[in-house]
Amino acid sequence: LTQPPVKITAQELGIPVLQPATLKDGA
């Protein structure tokens, strides 16, 4: 299980991370 590079960098910078599985359901 591998984290995407943007997630790793955002965590280093203290930026909240969001990882929606889809953009189609409105959530």
mmCIF file of all heavy atoms, coordinates in Angstrom:
data_MODEL
# 
_entry.id   MODEL 
# 
loop_
_atom_site.group_PDB 
_atom_site.id 
_atom_site.type_symbol 
_atom_site.label_atom_id 
_atom_site.label_alt_id 
_atom_site.label_comp_id 
_atom_site.label_asym_id 
_atom_site.label_entity_id 
_atom_site.label_seq_id 
_atom_site.pdbx_PDB_ins_code 
_atom_site.Cartn_x 
_atom_site.Cartn_y 
_atom_site.Cartn_z 
_atom_site.occupancy 
_atom_site.B_iso_or_equiv 
_atom_site.pdbx_formal_charge 
_atom_site.auth_seq_id 
_atom_site.auth_comp_id 
_atom_site.auth_asym_id 
_atom_site.auth_atom_id 
_atom_site.pdbx_PDB_model_num 
ATOM 1   N N   . LEU A 1 1  ? 0.855   -1.187 0.000   1.00 0.00 ? 1  LEU A N   1 
ATOM 2   C CA  . LEU A 1 1  ? 0.000   0.000  0.000   1.00 0.00 ? 1  LEU A CA  1 
ATOM 3   C C   . LEU A 1 1  ? 0.890   1.236  0.000   1.00 0.00 ? 1  LEU A C   1 
ATOM 4   O O   . LEU A 1 1  ? 1.680   1.455  0.930   1.00 0.00 ? 1  LEU A O   1 
ATOM 5   C CB  . LEU A 1 1  ? -0.919  -0.001 1.222   1.00 0.00 ? 1  LEU A CB  1 
ATOM 6   C CG  . LEU A 1 1  ? -2.028  1.068  1.227   1.00 0.00 ? 1  LEU A CG  1 
ATOM 7   C CD1 . LEU A 1 1  ? -2.985  0.842  0.058   1.00 0.00 ? 1  LEU A CD1 1 
ATOM 8   C CD2 . LEU A 1 1  ? -2.781  1.048  2.551   1.00 0.00 ? 1  LEU A CD2 1 
ATOM 9   N N   . THR A 1 2  ? 0.773   2.046  -1.064  1.00 0.00 ? 2  THR A N   1 
ATOM 10  C CA  . THR A 1 2  ? 1.697   3.154  -1.287  1.00 0.00 ? 2  THR A CA  1 
ATOM 11  C C   . THR A 1 2  ? 0.954   4.484  -1.314  1.00 0.00 ? 2  THR A C   1 
ATOM 12  O O   . THR A 1 2  ? -0.084  4.610  -1.958  1.00 0.00 ? 2  THR A O   1 
ATOM 13  C CB  . THR A 1 2  ? 2.448   2.952  -2.621  1.00 0.00 ? 2  THR A CB  1 
ATOM 14  O OG1 . THR A 1 2  ? 3.109   1.681  -2.597  1.00 0.00 ? 2  THR A OG1 1 
ATOM 15  C CG2 . THR A 1 2  ? 3.467   4.049  -2.833  1.00 0.00 ? 2  THR A CG2 1 
ATOM 16  N N   . GLN A 1 3  ? 1.503   5.471  -0.615  1.00 0.00 ? 3  GLN A N   1 
ATOM 17  C CA  . GLN A 1 3  ? 0.915   6.808  -0.610  1.00 0.00 ? 3  GLN A CA  1 
ATOM 18  C C   . GLN A 1 3  ? 1.376   7.591  -1.832  1.00 0.00 ? 3  GLN A C   1 
ATOM 19  O O   . GLN A 1 3  ? 2.543   7.496  -2.228  1.00 0.00 ? 3  GLN A O   1 
ATOM 20  C CB  . GLN A 1 3  ? 1.344   7.564  0.659   1.00 0.00 ? 3  GLN A CB  1 
ATOM 21  C CG  . GLN A 1 3  ? 0.897   6.926  1.959   1.00 0.00 ? 3  GLN A CG  1 
ATOM 22  C CD  . GLN A 1 3  ? 1.419   7.683  3.173   1.00 0.00 ? 3  GLN A CD  1 
ATOM 23  O OE1 . GLN A 1 3  ? 2.363   8.448  3.079   1.00 0.00 ? 3  GLN A OE1 1 
ATOM 24  N NE2 . GLN A 1 3  ? 0.788   7.453  4.307   1.00 0.00 ? 3  GLN A NE2 1 
ATOM 25  N N   . PRO A 1 4  ? 0.495   8.368  -2.445  1.00 0.00 ? 4  PRO A N   1 
ATOM 26  C CA  . PRO A 1 4  ? 0.920   9.200  -3.572  1.00 0.00 ? 4  PRO A CA  1 
ATOM 27  C C   . PRO A 1 4  ? 1.891   10.278 -3.107  1.00 0.00 ? 4  PRO A C   1 
ATOM 28  O O   . PRO A 1 4  ? 1.820   10.744 -1.960  1.00 0.00 ? 4  PRO A O   1 
ATOM 29  C CB  . PRO A 1 4  ? -0.385  9.803  -4.091  1.00 0.00 ? 4  PRO A CB  1 
ATOM 30  C CG  . PRO A 1 4  ? -1.356  9.662  -2.979  1.00 0.00 ? 4  PRO A CG  1 
ATOM 31  C CD  . PRO A 1 4  ? -0.945  8.493  -2.162  1.00 0.00 ? 4  PRO A CD  1 
ATOM 32  N N   . PRO A 1 5  ? 2.817   10.696 -3.979  1.00 0.00 ? 5  PRO A N   1 
ATOM 33  C CA  . PRO A 1 5  ? 3.810   11.707 -3.599  1.00 0.00 ? 5  PRO A CA  1 
ATOM 34  C C   . PRO A 1 5  ? 3.209   13.002 -3.052  1.00 0.00 ? 5  PRO A C   1 
ATOM 35  O O   . PRO A 1 5  ? 3.779   13.604 -2.134  1.00 0.00 ? 5  PRO A O   1 
ATOM 36  C CB  . PRO A 1 5  ? 4.568   11.953 -4.907  1.00 0.00 ? 5  PRO A CB  1 
ATOM 37  C CG  . PRO A 1 5  ? 4.490   10.644 -5.619  1.00 0.00 ? 5  PRO A CG  1 
ATOM 38  C CD  . PRO A 1 5  ? 3.111   10.121 -5.318  1.00 0.00 ? 5  PRO A CD  1 
ATOM 39  N N   . VAL A 1 6  ? 2.078   13.444 -3.586  1.00 0.00 ? 6  VAL A N   1 
ATOM 40  C CA  . VAL A 1 6  ? 1.471   14.679 -3.086  1.00 0.00 ? 6  VAL A CA  1 
ATOM 41  C C   . VAL A 1 6  ? 1.055   14.530 -1.623  1.00 0.00 ? 6  VAL A C   1 
ATOM 42  O O   . VAL A 1 6  ? 1.213   15.460 -0.825  1.00 0.00 ? 6  VAL A O   1 
ATOM 43  C CB  . VAL A 1 6  ? 0.272   15.094 -3.961  1.00 0.00 ? 6  VAL A CB  1 
ATOM 44  C CG1 . VAL A 1 6  ? -0.646  16.074 -3.223  1.00 0.00 ? 6  VAL A CG1 1 
ATOM 45  C CG2 . VAL A 1 6  ? 0.761   15.730 -5.251  1.00 0.00 ? 6  VAL A CG2 1 
ATOM 46  N N   . LYS A 1 7  ? 0.558   13.364 -1.248  1.00 0.00 ? 7  LYS A N   1 
ATOM 47  C CA  . LYS A 1 7  ? 0.176   13.136 0.146   1.00 0.00 ? 7  LYS A CA  1 
ATOM 48  C C   . LYS A 1 7  ? 1.390   13.227 1.058   1.00 0.00 ? 7  LYS A C   1 
ATOM 49  O O   . LYS A 1 7  ? 1.346   13.859 2.120   1.00 0.00 ? 7  LYS A O   1 
ATOM 50  C CB  . LYS A 1 7  ? -0.490  11.768 0.290   1.00 0.00 ? 7  LYS A CB  1 
ATOM 51  C CG  . LYS A 1 7  ? -0.901  11.443 1.726   1.00 0.00 ? 7  LYS A CG  1 
ATOM 52  C CD  . LYS A 1 7  ? -1.583  10.076 1.801   1.00 0.00 ? 7  LYS A CD  1 
ATOM 53  C CE  . LYS A 1 7  ? -2.014  9.744  3.225   1.00 0.00 ? 7  LYS A CE  1 
ATOM 54  N NZ  . LYS A 1 7  ? -2.689  8.426  3.288   1.00 0.00 ? 7  LYS A NZ  1 
ATOM 55  N N   . ILE A 1 8  ? 2.487   12.600 0.647   1.00 0.00 ? 8  ILE A N   1 
ATOM 56  C CA  . ILE A 1 8  ? 3.703   12.606 1.459   1.00 0.00 ? 8  ILE A CA  1 
ATOM 57  C C   . ILE A 1 8  ? 4.218   14.032 1.634   1.00 0.00 ? 8  ILE A C   1 
ATOM 58  O O   . ILE A 1 8  ? 4.552   14.461 2.751   1.00 0.00 ? 8  ILE A O   1 
ATOM 59  C CB  . ILE A 1 8  ? 4.782   11.714 0.804   1.00 0.00 ? 8  ILE A CB  1 
ATOM 60  C CG1 . ILE A 1 8  ? 4.313   10.251 0.790   1.00 0.00 ? 8  ILE A CG1 1 
ATOM 61  C CG2 . ILE A 1 8  ? 6.111   11.840 1.531   1.00 0.00 ? 8  ILE A CG2 1 
ATOM 62  C CD1 . ILE A 1 8  ? 5.180   9.335  -0.042  1.00 0.00 ? 8  ILE A CD1 1 
ATOM 63  N N   . THR A 1 9  ? 4.256   14.793 0.546   1.00 0.00 ? 9  THR A N   1 
ATOM 64  C CA  . THR A 1 9  ? 4.751   16.164 0.604   1.00 0.00 ? 9  THR A CA  1 
ATOM 65  C C   . THR A 1 9  ? 3.827   17.047 1.436   1.00 0.00 ? 9  THR A C   1 
ATOM 66  O O   . THR A 1 9  ? 4.287   17.867 2.242   1.00 0.00 ? 9  THR A O   1 
ATOM 67  C CB  . THR A 1 9  ? 4.904   16.738 -0.814  1.00 0.00 ? 9  THR A CB  1 
ATOM 68  O OG1 . THR A 1 9  ? 5.872   15.962 -1.521  1.00 0.00 ? 9  THR A OG1 1 
ATOM 69  C CG2 . THR A 1 9  ? 5.347   18.190 -0.782  1.00 0.00 ? 9  THR A CG2 1 
ATOM 70  N N   . ALA A 1 10 ? 2.523   16.897 1.258   1.00 0.00 ? 10 ALA A N   1 
ATOM 71  C CA  . ALA A 1 10 ? 1.564   17.702 2.025   1.00 0.00 ? 10 ALA A CA  1 
ATOM 72  C C   . ALA A 1 10 ? 1.713   17.444 3.526   1.00 0.00 ? 10 ALA A C   1 
ATOM 73  O O   . ALA A 1 10 ? 1.672   18.382 4.340   1.00 0.00 ? 10 ALA A O   1 
ATOM 74  C CB  . ALA A 1 10 ? 0.144   17.389 1.568   1.00 0.00 ? 10 ALA A CB  1 
ATOM 75  N N   . GLN A 1 11 ? 1.894   16.195 3.900   1.00 0.00 ? 11 GLN A N   1 
ATOM 76  C CA  . GLN A 1 11 ? 2.075   15.875 5.312   1.00 0.00 ? 11 GLN A CA  1 
ATOM 77  C C   . GLN A 1 11 ? 3.350   16.503 5.861   1.00 0.00 ? 11 GLN A C   1 
ATOM 78  O O   . GLN A 1 11 ? 3.372   16.994 6.996   1.00 0.00 ? 11 GLN A O   1 
ATOM 79  C CB  . GLN A 1 11 ? 2.082   14.359 5.507   1.00 0.00 ? 11 GLN A CB  1 
ATOM 80  C CG  . GLN A 1 11 ? 0.720   13.720 5.272   1.00 0.00 ? 11 GLN A CG  1 
ATOM 81  C CD  . GLN A 1 11 ? 0.761   12.199 5.294   1.00 0.00 ? 11 GLN A CD  1 
ATOM 82  O OE1 . GLN A 1 11 ? 1.780   11.574 5.020   1.00 0.00 ? 11 GLN A OE1 1 
ATOM 83  N NE2 . GLN A 1 11 ? -0.365  11.587 5.623   1.00 0.00 ? 11 GLN A NE2 1 
ATOM 84  N N   . GLU A 1 12 ? 4.417   16.507 5.049   1.00 0.00 ? 12 GLU A N   1 
ATOM 85  C CA  . GLU A 1 12 ? 5.662   17.152 5.468   1.00 0.00 ? 12 GLU A CA  1 
ATOM 86  C C   . GLU A 1 12 ? 5.468   18.645 5.691   1.00 0.00 ? 12 GLU A C   1 
ATOM 87  O O   . GLU A 1 12 ? 6.089   19.241 6.587   1.00 0.00 ? 12 GLU A O   1 
ATOM 88  C CB  . GLU A 1 12 ? 6.750   16.930 4.412   1.00 0.00 ? 12 GLU A CB  1 
ATOM 89  C CG  . GLU A 1 12 ? 7.231   15.491 4.298   1.00 0.00 ? 12 GLU A CG  1 
ATOM 90  C CD  . GLU A 1 12 ? 8.200   15.308 3.146   1.00 0.00 ? 12 GLU A CD  1 
ATOM 91  O OE1 . GLU A 1 12 ? 8.463   16.288 2.413   1.00 0.00 ? 12 GLU A OE1 1 
ATOM 92  O OE2 . GLU A 1 12 ? 8.702   14.177 2.964   1.00 0.00 ? 12 GLU A OE2 1 
ATOM 93  N N   . LEU A 1 13 ? 4.597   19.245 4.878   1.00 0.00 ? 13 LEU A N   1 
ATOM 94  C CA  . LEU A 1 13 ? 4.359   20.686 4.953   1.00 0.00 ? 13 LEU A CA  1 
ATOM 95  C C   . LEU A 1 13 ? 3.251   21.059 5.931   1.00 0.00 ? 13 LEU A C   1 
ATOM 96  O O   . LEU A 1 13 ? 2.974   22.246 6.129   1.00 0.00 ? 13 LEU A O   1 
ATOM 97  C CB  . LEU A 1 13 ? 4.003   21.217 3.556   1.00 0.00 ? 13 LEU A CB  1 
ATOM 98  C CG  . LEU A 1 13 ? 5.087   21.080 2.480   1.00 0.00 ? 13 LEU A CG  1 
ATOM 99  C CD1 . LEU A 1 13 ? 4.530   21.455 1.103   1.00 0.00 ? 13 LEU A CD1 1 
ATOM 100 C CD2 . LEU A 1 13 ? 6.288   21.953 2.818   1.00 0.00 ? 13 LEU A CD2 1 
ATOM 101 N N   . GLY A 1 14 ? 2.610   20.054 6.532   1.00 0.00 ? 14 GLY A N   1 
ATOM 102 C CA  . GLY A 1 14 ? 1.516   20.324 7.467   1.00 0.00 ? 14 GLY A CA  1 
ATOM 103 C C   . GLY A 1 14 ? 0.229   20.750 6.798   1.00 0.00 ? 14 GLY A C   1 
ATOM 104 O O   . GLY A 1 14 ? -0.609  21.437 7.408   1.00 0.00 ? 14 GLY A O   1 
ATOM 105 N N   . ILE A 1 15 ? 0.041   20.347 5.551   1.00 0.00 ? 15 ILE A N   1 
ATOM 106 C CA  . ILE A 1 15 ? -1.170  20.687 4.794   1.00 0.00 ? 15 ILE A CA  1 
ATOM 107 C C   . ILE A 1 15 ? -2.161  19.531 4.896   1.00 0.00 ? 15 ILE A C   1 
ATOM 108 O O   . ILE A 1 15 ? -1.784  18.376 4.661   1.00 0.00 ? 15 ILE A O   1 
ATOM 109 C CB  . ILE A 1 15 ? -0.822  20.961 3.318   1.00 0.00 ? 15 ILE A CB  1 
ATOM 110 C CG1 . ILE A 1 15 ? 0.123   22.160 3.208   1.00 0.00 ? 15 ILE A CG1 1 
ATOM 111 C CG2 . ILE A 1 15 ? -2.088  21.182 2.486   1.00 0.00 ? 15 ILE A CG2 1 
ATOM 112 C CD1 . ILE A 1 15 ? 0.700   22.362 1.817   1.00 0.00 ? 15 ILE A CD1 1 
ATOM 113 N N   . PRO A 1 16 ? -3.421  19.787 5.239   1.00 0.00 ? 16 PRO A N   1 
ATOM 114 C CA  . PRO A 1 16 ? -4.413  18.701 5.297   1.00 0.00 ? 16 PRO A CA  1 
ATOM 115 C C   . PRO A 1 16 ? -4.547  17.989 3.957   1.00 0.00 ? 16 PRO A C   1 
ATOM 116 O O   . PRO A 1 16 ? -4.484  18.622 2.899   1.00 0.00 ? 16 PRO A O   1 
ATOM 117 C CB  . PRO A 1 16 ? -5.711  19.431 5.665   1.00 0.00 ? 16 PRO A CB  1 
ATOM 118 C CG  . PRO A 1 16 ? -5.266  20.687 6.335   1.00 0.00 ? 16 PRO A CG  1 
ATOM 119 C CD  . PRO A 1 16 ? -3.988  21.082 5.650   1.00 0.00 ? 16 PRO A CD  1 
ATOM 120 N N   . VAL A 1 17 ? -4.742  16.678 4.012   1.00 0.00 ? 17 VAL A N   1 
ATOM 121 C CA  . VAL A 1 17 ? -4.827  15.860 2.806   1.00 0.00 ? 17 VAL A CA  1 
ATOM 122 C C   . VAL A 1 17 ? -6.232  15.276 2.671   1.00 0.00 ? 17 VAL A C   1 
ATOM 123 O O   . VAL A 1 17 ? -6.800  14.761 3.637   1.00 0.00 ? 17 VAL A O   1 
ATOM 124 C CB  . VAL A 1 17 ? -3.797  14.708 2.841   1.00 0.00 ? 17 VAL A CB  1 
ATOM 125 C CG1 . VAL A 1 17 ? -3.950  13.806 1.620   1.00 0.00 ? 17 VAL A CG1 1 
ATOM 126 C CG2 . VAL A 1 17 ? -2.386  15.267 2.920   1.00 0.00 ? 17 VAL A CG2 1 
ATOM 127 N N   . LEU A 1 18 ? -6.776  15.346 1.465   1.00 0.00 ? 18 LEU A N   1 
ATOM 128 C CA  . LEU A 1 18 ? -8.064  14.724 1.155   1.00 0.00 ? 18 LEU A CA  1 
ATOM 129 C C   . LEU A 1 18 ? -7.850  13.749 0.005   1.00 0.00 ? 18 LEU A C   1 
ATOM 130 O O   . LEU A 1 18 ? -7.167  14.075 -0.968  1.00 0.00 ? 18 LEU A O   1 
ATOM 131 C CB  . LEU A 1 18 ? -9.086  15.789 0.763   1.00 0.00 ? 18 LEU A CB  1 
ATOM 132 C CG  . LEU A 1 18 ? -9.411  16.848 1.828   1.00 0.00 ? 18 LEU A CG  1 
ATOM 133 C CD1 . LEU A 1 18 ? -10.300 17.940 1.238   1.00 0.00 ? 18 LEU A CD1 1 
ATOM 134 C CD2 . LEU A 1 18 ? -10.079 16.206 3.037   1.00 0.00 ? 18 LEU A CD2 1 
ATOM 135 N N   . GLN A 1 19 ? -8.452  12.548 0.102   1.00 0.00 ? 19 GLN A N   1 
ATOM 136 C CA  . GLN A 1 19 ? -8.261  11.513 -0.908  1.00 0.00 ? 19 GLN A CA  1 
ATOM 137 C C   . GLN A 1 19 ? -9.594  10.881 -1.321  1.00 0.00 ? 19 GLN A C   1 
ATOM 138 O O   . GLN A 1 19 ? -9.835  9.706  -1.084  1.00 0.00 ? 19 GLN A O   1 
ATOM 139 C CB  . GLN A 1 19 ? -7.323  10.428 -0.378  1.00 0.00 ? 19 GLN A CB  1 
ATOM 140 C CG  . GLN A 1 19 ? -5.889  10.907 -0.130  1.00 0.00 ? 19 GLN A CG  1 
ATOM 141 C CD  . GLN A 1 19 ? -5.015  9.818  0.446   1.00 0.00 ? 19 GLN A CD  1 
ATOM 142 O OE1 . GLN A 1 19 ? -5.026  9.580  1.660   1.00 0.00 ? 19 GLN A OE1 1 
ATOM 143 N NE2 . GLN A 1 19 ? -4.256  9.150  -0.403  1.00 0.00 ? 19 GLN A NE2 1 
ATOM 144 N N   . PRO A 1 20 ? -10.452 11.671 -1.967  1.00 0.00 ? 20 PRO A N   1 
ATOM 145 C CA  . PRO A 1 20 ? -11.748 11.109 -2.371  1.00 0.00 ? 20 PRO A CA  1 
ATOM 146 C C   . PRO A 1 20 ? -11.584 10.004 -3.406  1.00 0.00 ? 20 PRO A C   1 
ATOM 147 O O   . PRO A 1 20 ? -10.794 10.125 -4.348  1.00 0.00 ? 20 PRO A O   1 
ATOM 148 C CB  . PRO A 1 20 ? -12.478 12.310 -2.966  1.00 0.00 ? 20 PRO A CB  1 
ATOM 149 C CG  . PRO A 1 20 ? -11.394 13.246 -3.406  1.00 0.00 ? 20 PRO A CG  1 
ATOM 150 C CD  . PRO A 1 20 ? -10.292 13.078 -2.402  1.00 0.00 ? 20 PRO A CD  1 
ATOM 151 N N   . ALA A 1 21 ? -12.341 8.929  -3.217  1.00 0.00 ? 21 ALA A N   1 
ATOM 152 C CA  . ALA A 1 21 ? -12.304 7.831  -4.188  1.00 0.00 ? 21 ALA A CA  1 
ATOM 153 C C   . ALA A 1 21 ? -12.973 8.225  -5.495  1.00 0.00 ? 21 ALA A C   1 
ATOM 154 O O   . ALA A 1 21 ? -12.638 7.705  -6.559  1.00 0.00 ? 21 ALA A O   1 
ATOM 155 C CB  . ALA A 1 21 ? -12.973 6.596  -3.600  1.00 0.00 ? 21 ALA A CB  1 
ATOM 156 N N   . THR A 1 22 ? -13.913 9.136  -5.428  1.00 0.00 ? 22 THR A N   1 
ATOM 157 C CA  . THR A 1 22 ? -14.617 9.599  -6.622  1.00 0.00 ? 22 THR A CA  1 
ATOM 158 C C   . THR A 1 22 ? -15.054 11.040 -6.424  1.00 0.00 ? 22 THR A C   1 
ATOM 159 O O   . THR A 1 22 ? -15.215 11.503 -5.283  1.00 0.00 ? 22 THR A O   1 
ATOM 160 C CB  . THR A 1 22 ? -15.850 8.715  -6.914  1.00 0.00 ? 22 THR A CB  1 
ATOM 161 O OG1 . THR A 1 22 ? -16.520 9.206  -8.077  1.00 0.00 ? 22 THR A OG1 1 
ATOM 162 C CG2 . THR A 1 22 ? -16.824 8.708  -5.738  1.00 0.00 ? 22 THR A CG2 1 
ATOM 163 N N   . LEU A 1 23 ? -15.248 11.740 -7.530  1.00 0.00 ? 23 LEU A N   1 
ATOM 164 C CA  . LEU A 1 23 ? -15.784 13.102 -7.476  1.00 0.00 ? 23 LEU A CA  1 
ATOM 165 C C   . LEU A 1 23 ? -17.225 13.148 -7.954  1.00 0.00 ? 23 LEU A C   1 
ATOM 166 O O   . LEU A 1 23 ? -17.820 14.215 -8.032  1.00 0.00 ? 23 LEU A O   1 
ATOM 167 C CB  . LEU A 1 23 ? -14.935 14.028 -8.354  1.00 0.00 ? 23 LEU A CB  1 
ATOM 168 C CG  . LEU A 1 23 ? -13.444 14.121 -8.045  1.00 0.00 ? 23 LEU A CG  1 
ATOM 169 C CD1 . LEU A 1 23 ? -12.779 15.104 -9.003  1.00 0.00 ? 23 LEU A CD1 1 
ATOM 170 C CD2 . LEU A 1 23 ? -13.196 14.525 -6.609  1.00 0.00 ? 23 LEU A CD2 1 
ATOM 171 N N   . LYS A 1 24 ? -17.798 11.984 -8.240  1.00 0.00 ? 24 LYS A N   1 
ATOM 172 C CA  . LYS A 1 24 ? -19.089 11.928 -8.919  1.00 0.00 ? 24 LYS A CA  1 
ATOM 173 C C   . LYS A 1 24 ? -20.295 11.807 -7.992  1.00 0.00 ? 24 LYS A C   1 
ATOM 174 O O   . LYS A 1 24 ? -21.421 12.039 -8.427  1.00 0.00 ? 24 LYS A O   1 
ATOM 175 C CB  . LYS A 1 24 ? -19.103 10.754 -9.898  1.00 0.00 ? 24 LYS A CB  1 
ATOM 176 C CG  . LYS A 1 24 ? -18.093 10.890 -11.027 1.00 0.00 ? 24 LYS A CG  1 
ATOM 177 C CD  . LYS A 1 24 ? -18.131 9.681  -11.946 1.00 0.00 ? 24 LYS A CD  1 
ATOM 178 C CE  . LYS A 1 24 ? -17.117 9.808  -13.067 1.00 0.00 ? 24 LYS A CE  1 
ATOM 179 N NZ  . LYS A 1 24 ? -17.133 8.615  -13.965 1.00 0.00 ? 24 LYS A NZ  1 
ATOM 180 N N   . ASP A 1 25 ? -20.074 11.433 -6.735  1.00 0.00 ? 25 ASP A N   1 
ATOM 181 C CA  . ASP A 1 25 ? -21.240 11.175 -5.884  1.00 0.00 ? 25 ASP A CA  1 
ATOM 182 C C   . ASP A 1 25 ? -21.679 12.377 -5.054  1.00 0.00 ? 25 ASP A C   1 
ATOM 183 O O   . ASP A 1 25 ? -22.630 12.307 -4.284  1.00 0.00 ? 25 ASP A O   1 
ATOM 184 C CB  . ASP A 1 25 ? -20.982 9.977  -4.973  1.00 0.00 ? 25 ASP A CB  1 
ATOM 185 C CG  . ASP A 1 25 ? -19.810 10.195 -4.013  1.00 0.00 ? 25 ASP A CG  1 
ATOM 186 O OD1 . ASP A 1 25 ? -19.286 11.332 -3.965  1.00 0.00 ? 25 ASP A OD1 1 
ATOM 187 O OD2 . ASP A 1 25 ? -19.427 9.232  -3.324  1.00 0.00 ? 25 ASP A OD2 1 
ATOM 188 N N   . GLY A 1 26 ? -20.993 13.489 -5.161  1.00 0.00 ? 26 GLY A N   1 
ATOM 189 C CA  . GLY A 1 26 ? -21.400 14.707 -4.463  1.00 0.00 ? 26 GLY A CA  1 
ATOM 190 C C   . GLY A 1 26 ? -20.831 14.845 -3.075  1.00 0.00 ? 26 GLY A C   1 
ATOM 191 O O   . GLY A 1 26 ? -20.885 15.937 -2.489  1.00 0.00 ? 26 GLY A O   1 
ATOM 192 N N   . ALA A 1 27 ? -20.276 13.773 -2.499  1.00 0.00 ? 27 ALA A N   1 
ATOM 193 C CA  . ALA A 1 27 ? -19.774 13.843 -1.132  1.00 0.00 ? 27 ALA A CA  1 
ATOM 194 C C   . ALA A 1 27 ? -18.601 14.813 -1.023  1.00 0.00 ? 27 ALA A C   1 
ATOM 195 O O   . ALA A 1 27 ? -18.549 15.644 -0.104  1.00 0.00 ? 27 ALA A O   1 
ATOM 196 C CB  . ALA A 1 27 ? -19.358 12.456 -0.652  1.00 0.00 ? 27 ALA A CB  1 
# 
